[in-house]
Amino acid sequence: MLVGERMTPRPITVTEETSLPEALELMRKEKIRRLPVLDKHGKLVGIVTELDLLRASPSPATTLSIYEIPYLLSKVKMRDIMTRKVITVTEDTPIEEAARIMADNKIGGLPVMRDDKLVGIITETDIFKLMLELFGARQSGIRVTLSVPDEKGVLARVTGKIAEIGGNILSLGTAMGEDPTTSILILRVADVSEEALVAALNGLGGGIRVTHSRTCTLPVCPTG
């Protein structure tokens, strides 16, 4: 899956001359937390976040009068507080690469460029929504976690056994195990009982074992 499939197209933007109150009001109205900044030619020149705007606002402990504050804030423009070295991605960037860039740089969003034109924005919220889909979090079923050896053919054995007992795999994810020799499989399965599923998977042997299972019926999935 690529960024272009999950980004918000035609993102809301501001200019270098937009004032701090105007930008803050725009964020609150549109329920967003970052704004790409464009110059008069429509070229991306920076980005501002809600935190940037709040940091530039006077503290509640300020000695300024209520008449002075609006005037001074109106003088603060995006060019004064924006981040100029903007990290961007393109539409054909893999979604996991965008997530890695965000995590490594501790940022919550990335403008999406096509050549030198801003065409979208991908945010941490978009990544979270995709994660819900990948793990089938909005579907009822049995969530089962397995520890498996990191060997060829293991995934085929697991999915084959689930099909054999009539189960329908709604989602499947993998993660690193406790050591380099093992992996973790996280599946959500429907059309079979939790008891039958756990028994069948544990019966595979060869280092495959169920470490956790629970039946999730939306909208509530029990914990524990």
Protein backbone atom coordinates (compact mmCIF):
# COMPACT_ATOMS: atom_id res chain seq x y z
CA MET A 1 0.00 0.00 0.00
CA LEU A 2 1.29 3.43 -0.97
CA VAL A 3 0.96 6.87 0.59
CA GLY A 4 -1.13 8.09 -2.34
CA GLU A 5 -3.86 5.60 -1.42
CA ARG A 6 -4.19 6.83 2.17
CA MET A 7 -3.22 10.50 2.15
CA THR A 8 -5.64 13.38 2.52
CA PRO A 9 -5.64 15.07 -0.90
CA ARG A 10 -5.74 18.85 -1.33
CA PRO A 11 -4.70 19.61 2.26
CA ILE A 12 -5.68 22.83 3.98
CA THR A 13 -2.79 25.27 3.85
CA VAL A 14 -1.76 28.75 4.96
CA THR A 15 0.63 31.33 3.54
CA GLU A 16 3.73 32.89 5.03
CA GLU A 17 1.65 36.00 5.79
CA THR A 18 -1.11 34.18 7.71
CA SER A 19 -1.25 35.43 11.29
CA LEU A 20 -1.03 33.22 14.35
CA PRO A 21 -4.70 33.79 15.40
CA GLU A 22 -5.89 33.02 11.87
CA ALA A 23 -3.92 29.77 11.72
CA LEU A 24 -5.07 28.68 15.17
CA GLU A 25 -8.69 29.40 14.34
CA LEU A 26 -8.35 27.44 11.08
CA MET A 27 -6.94 24.42 12.93
CA ARG A 28 -9.77 24.48 15.45
CA LYS A 29 -12.43 24.91 12.78
CA GLU A 30 -11.10 22.10 10.58
CA LYS A 31 -10.03 19.87 13.50
CA ILE A 32 -6.47 19.48 12.24
CA ARG A 33 -3.11 19.83 13.99
CA ARG A 34 -0.71 20.90 11.23
CA LEU A 35 -0.72 23.24 8.27
CA PRO A 36 1.64 23.27 5.30
CA VAL A 37 2.85 26.80 4.51
CA LEU A 38 2.96 27.98 0.89
CA ASP A 39 4.62 31.03 -0.61
CA LYS A 40 2.88 33.40 -3.03
CA HIS A 41 3.72 31.05 -5.91
CA GLY A 42 2.08 28.07 -4.22
CA LYS A 43 5.39 26.41 -3.38
CA LEU A 44 5.78 24.53 -0.09
CA VAL A 45 8.14 26.54 2.13
CA GLY A 46 7.33 25.31 5.63
CA ILE A 47 4.95 23.64 8.03
CA VAL A 48 3.43 24.67 11.37
CA THR A 49 1.85 22.50 14.04
CA GLU A 50 -0.65 23.31 16.75
CA LEU A 51 2.18 23.03 19.27
CA ASP A 52 4.21 25.61 17.34
CA LEU A 53 1.30 28.05 17.57
CA LEU A 54 0.70 27.44 21.26
CA ARG A 55 4.37 27.89 22.06
CA ALA A 56 4.35 31.23 20.26
CA SER A 57 1.32 32.40 22.23
CA PRO A 58 1.68 34.33 25.51
CA SER A 59 1.71 32.36 28.74
CA PRO A 60 -1.33 32.70 31.04
CA ALA A 61 1.09 34.33 33.47
CA THR A 62 1.91 37.17 31.06
CA THR A 63 1.77 40.74 32.30
CA LEU A 64 0.36 41.94 28.97
CA SER A 65 -3.11 43.43 29.08
CA ILE A 66 -6.05 41.79 27.33
CA TYR A 67 -5.90 44.64 24.83
CA GLU A 68 -2.23 44.16 24.01
CA ILE A 69 -2.33 40.39 23.41
CA PRO A 70 -4.57 40.29 20.28
CA TYR A 71 -2.57 43.08 18.69
CA LEU A 72 0.79 41.40 19.32
CA LEU A 73 -0.45 37.99 18.17
CA SER A 74 -1.73 39.48 14.93
CA LYS A 75 1.83 40.56 14.20
CA VAL A 76 3.16 36.99 14.43
CA LYS A 77 3.15 35.45 10.95
CA MET A 78 3.72 31.88 9.85
CA ARG A 79 7.07 32.84 8.38
CA ASP A 80 8.21 33.68 11.93
CA ILE A 81 7.42 30.31 13.51
CA MET A 82 7.19 27.70 10.73
CA THR A 83 9.63 24.82 10.34
CA ARG A 84 11.46 25.52 7.10
CA LYS A 85 13.22 22.19 6.58
CA VAL A 86 10.14 20.14 5.79
CA ILE A 87 10.41 16.36 5.53
CA THR A 88 8.20 15.16 2.70
CA VAL A 89 7.24 11.98 0.85
CA THR A 90 5.79 11.20 -2.56
CA GLU A 91 2.59 9.42 -3.54
CA ASP A 92 4.47 6.23 -4.38
CA THR A 93 6.22 6.00 -1.00
CA PRO A 94 5.26 2.72 0.78
CA ILE A 95 3.00 3.46 3.74
CA GLU A 96 5.34 1.66 6.14
CA GLU A 97 8.23 3.85 4.99
CA ALA A 98 6.17 6.96 5.78
CA ALA A 99 5.42 5.53 9.23
CA ARG A 100 9.14 4.86 9.80
CA ILE A 101 10.05 8.41 8.78
CA MET A 102 7.48 9.83 11.20
CA ALA A 103 8.66 7.63 14.06
CA ASP A 104 12.37 8.25 13.46
CA ASN A 105 11.90 12.02 13.23
CA LYS A 106 9.26 12.26 15.96
CA ILE A 107 6.76 14.05 13.73
CA GLY A 108 3.06 13.47 13.22
CA GLY A 109 2.59 14.25 9.56
CA LEU A 110 4.28 14.42 6.16
CA PRO A 111 3.36 16.63 3.21
CA VAL A 112 3.03 14.59 0.02
CA MET A 113 4.71 16.01 -3.08
CA ARG A 114 4.37 15.41 -6.81
CA ASP A 115 7.51 16.94 -8.26
CA ASP A 116 7.49 20.36 -6.55
CA LYS A 117 3.71 20.53 -6.02
CA LEU A 118 1.92 19.76 -2.74
CA VAL A 119 -0.82 17.20 -3.46
CA GLY A 120 -1.63 15.75 -0.04
CA ILE A 121 -0.68 15.06 3.54
CA ILE A 122 -0.32 11.77 5.43
CA THR A 123 -0.61 11.83 9.22
CA GLU A 124 -0.27 9.54 12.20
CA THR A 125 -4.07 9.32 12.31
CA ASP A 126 -4.09 7.87 8.79
CA ILE A 127 -1.53 5.28 9.90
CA PHE A 128 -3.60 4.36 12.98
CA LYS A 129 -6.72 3.90 10.85
CA LEU A 130 -4.80 1.62 8.50
CA MET A 131 -3.48 -0.37 11.45
CA LEU A 132 -7.08 -0.98 12.58
CA GLU A 133 -7.86 -2.38 9.15
CA LEU A 134 -4.73 -4.54 8.92
CA PHE A 135 -5.49 -6.15 12.27
CA GLY A 136 -9.22 -6.51 11.57
CA ALA A 137 -10.02 -4.46 14.65
CA ARG A 138 -13.42 -3.47 13.32
CA GLN A 139 -14.50 -7.07 12.67
CA SER A 140 -15.84 -9.64 15.10
CA GLY A 141 -13.82 -12.82 15.39
CA ILE A 142 -11.22 -14.70 17.40
CA ARG A 143 -7.97 -12.84 17.92
CA VAL A 144 -5.19 -15.38 18.34
CA THR A 145 -1.47 -14.84 18.86
CA LEU A 146 1.05 -17.56 18.06
CA SER A 147 4.75 -18.02 18.64
CA VAL A 148 6.22 -19.83 15.63
CA PRO A 149 9.71 -20.83 14.51
CA ASP A 150 11.21 -18.52 11.90
CA GLU A 151 11.23 -21.19 9.19
CA LYS A 152 9.97 -21.61 5.64
CA GLY A 153 6.51 -23.11 5.32
CA VAL A 154 5.28 -22.24 8.83
CA LEU A 155 2.77 -19.67 7.63
CA ALA A 156 1.39 -22.13 5.08
CA ARG A 157 0.93 -24.76 7.80
CA VAL A 158 -0.94 -22.34 10.05
CA THR A 159 -3.26 -20.95 7.37
CA GLY A 160 -3.81 -24.41 5.91
CA LYS A 161 -4.92 -25.78 9.26
CA ILE A 162 -7.33 -22.88 9.77
CA ALA A 163 -8.86 -23.52 6.35
CA GLU A 164 -9.06 -27.25 7.14
CA ILE A 165 -11.25 -26.65 10.21
CA GLY A 166 -13.49 -24.19 8.33
CA GLY A 167 -12.05 -20.94 9.67
CA ASN A 168 -12.01 -17.70 7.71
CA ILE A 169 -8.90 -15.53 8.22
CA LEU A 170 -9.98 -11.89 8.50
CA SER A 171 -6.50 -10.46 9.10
CA LEU A 172 -2.93 -11.60 9.63
CA GLY A 173 0.09 -9.72 10.90
CA THR A 174 3.63 -10.69 11.83
CA ALA A 175 6.17 -9.35 14.30
CA MET A 176 9.60 -10.28 15.60
CA GLY A 177 9.67 -12.91 18.30
CA GLU A 178 11.56 -12.97 21.58
CA ASP A 179 14.72 -14.05 19.77
CA PRO A 180 15.90 -14.26 16.13
CA THR A 181 14.71 -17.85 15.80
CA THR A 182 11.02 -17.09 16.39
CA SER A 183 8.27 -14.89 15.00
CA ILE A 184 4.89 -13.76 16.27
CA LEU A 185 1.71 -14.23 14.24
CA ILE A 186 -1.40 -12.24 15.09
CA LEU A 187 -4.57 -13.42 13.37
CA ARG A 188 -8.26 -12.67 13.51
CA VAL A 189 -10.39 -15.65 12.48
CA ALA A 190 -14.15 -16.13 12.00
CA ASP A 191 -16.49 -19.10 11.41
CA VAL A 192 -14.88 -21.37 14.01
CA SER A 193 -15.00 -21.62 17.80
CA GLU A 194 -12.14 -20.33 19.92
CA GLU A 195 -11.71 -23.73 21.54
CA ALA A 196 -11.49 -25.57 18.21
CA LEU A 197 -9.10 -22.99 16.76
CA VAL A 198 -6.70 -23.08 19.70
CA ALA A 199 -6.72 -26.88 19.82
CA ALA A 200 -6.04 -27.19 16.08
CA LEU A 201 -3.15 -24.71 16.09
CA ASN A 202 -1.51 -26.15 19.19
CA GLY A 203 -1.84 -29.57 17.58
CA LEU A 204 0.45 -28.53 14.71
CA GLY A 205 3.53 -28.98 16.90
CA GLY A 206 6.94 -28.13 15.51
CA GLY A 207 7.34 -25.15 17.83
CA ILE A 208 3.99 -23.59 16.89
CA ARG A 209 2.03 -22.62 19.98
CA VAL A 210 -0.84 -20.31 20.87
CA THR A 211 0.25 -17.73 23.42
CA HIS A 212 -3.01 -15.79 23.66
CA SER A 213 -6.57 -15.90 22.33
CA ARG A 214 -9.82 -14.07 22.87
CA THR A 215 -13.19 -13.86 21.17
CA CYS A 216 -13.96 -10.29 20.09
CA THR A 217 -17.55 -9.31 19.39
CA LEU A 218 -17.86 -5.69 18.33
CA PRO A 219 -18.33 -3.05 19.48
CA VAL A 220 -16.67 -4.42 22.61
CA CYS A 221 -13.63 -6.70 22.67
CA PRO A 222 -12.98 -8.00 26.22
CA THR A 223 -9.54 -7.49 27.71
CA GLY A 224 -7.42 -9.99 29.56
